Structures are given as structure tokens and as C-alpha cells.
Amino acid sequence: MTYEAARSITGPYLATLGASAAVVGFVAGFDFLDILCDLFQVTSQTKPIATGS
């Protein structure tokens, strides 16, 4: 839970530091892409559950 909370405040924190909207959007988008890549990597390594046939 702490990990997700830390990712969610990245954009507002950069804005507080004076980053432009383009930089904040790029960083937030890159973080989201990183999460999707991690999720895809985890799901592609799992084995499907066998059905009872």
C-alpha cells in the first residue's frame, strides 16, 4: 500500500517543486507505463489454472 501511495504523489510533488505541466505529465505517464509493464511481466509468468476435464 505504501508503494502505491508513493507513486500517486509523484505528480503533485513535482508540481510543488515548480516542474512544468509537461514534465509532471510525462513522469506520471511513465510511472503508469512502468506499472503496466510490471503487471504484464508478472501475468505472463504465471501458469494457467487447469480445468477439471
Protein backbone atom coordinates (compact mmCIF):
# COMPACT_ATOMS: atom_id res chain seq x y z
CA MET A 1 0.00 0.00 0.00
CA THR A 2 2.84 2.40 0.76
CA TYR A 3 4.34 1.76 -2.67
CA GLU A 4 1.13 2.75 -4.46
CA ALA A 5 0.71 5.83 -2.27
CA ALA A 6 4.26 6.93 -3.05
CA ARG A 7 3.59 6.64 -6.77
CA SER A 8 0.36 8.61 -6.51
CA ILE A 9 2.04 11.70 -5.02
CA THR A 10 4.85 11.93 -7.59
CA GLY A 11 2.99 14.33 -9.88
CA PRO A 12 1.78 16.77 -7.21
CA TYR A 13 5.22 16.72 -5.56
CA LEU A 14 6.94 17.67 -8.83
CA ALA A 15 4.38 20.43 -9.37
CA THR A 16 5.16 21.78 -5.89
CA LEU A 17 8.83 21.87 -6.81
CA GLY A 18 7.98 24.00 -9.83
CA ALA A 19 8.09 21.45 -12.63
CA SER A 20 6.14 22.32 -15.77
CA ALA A 21 2.87 20.59 -16.61
CA ALA A 22 4.62 18.72 -19.44
CA VAL A 23 7.24 17.29 -17.08
CA VAL A 24 4.64 16.32 -14.48
CA GLY A 25 2.52 14.62 -17.16
CA PHE A 26 5.50 12.79 -18.64
CA VAL A 27 6.67 11.48 -15.27
CA ALA A 28 3.16 10.42 -14.22
CA GLY A 29 2.62 8.71 -17.58
CA PHE A 30 5.97 6.96 -17.41
CA ASP A 31 5.15 5.69 -13.91
CA PHE A 32 1.86 4.31 -15.21
CA LEU A 33 3.62 2.61 -18.12
CA ASP A 34 6.12 1.10 -15.69
CA ILE A 35 3.26 -0.32 -13.61
CA LEU A 36 1.64 -1.84 -16.72
CA CYS A 37 4.93 -3.43 -17.81
CA ASP A 38 5.42 -4.91 -14.34
CA LEU A 39 1.87 -6.25 -14.36
CA PHE A 40 2.29 -7.80 -17.82
CA GLN A 41 5.57 -9.41 -16.81
CA VAL A 42 4.01 -10.97 -13.71
CA THR A 43 0.92 -12.24 -15.52
CA SER A 44 2.92 -13.70 -18.40
CA GLN A 45 5.00 -15.78 -15.98
CA THR A 46 2.05 -17.39 -14.22
CA LYS A 47 0.73 -20.76 -15.31
CA PRO A 48 -2.94 -21.08 -16.24
CA ILE A 49 -5.16 -22.92 -13.81
CA ALA A 50 -6.04 -26.38 -15.09
CA THR A 51 -9.71 -27.02 -15.64
CA GLY A 52 -11.25 -30.23 -14.42
CA SER A 53 -11.88 -32.10 -17.66
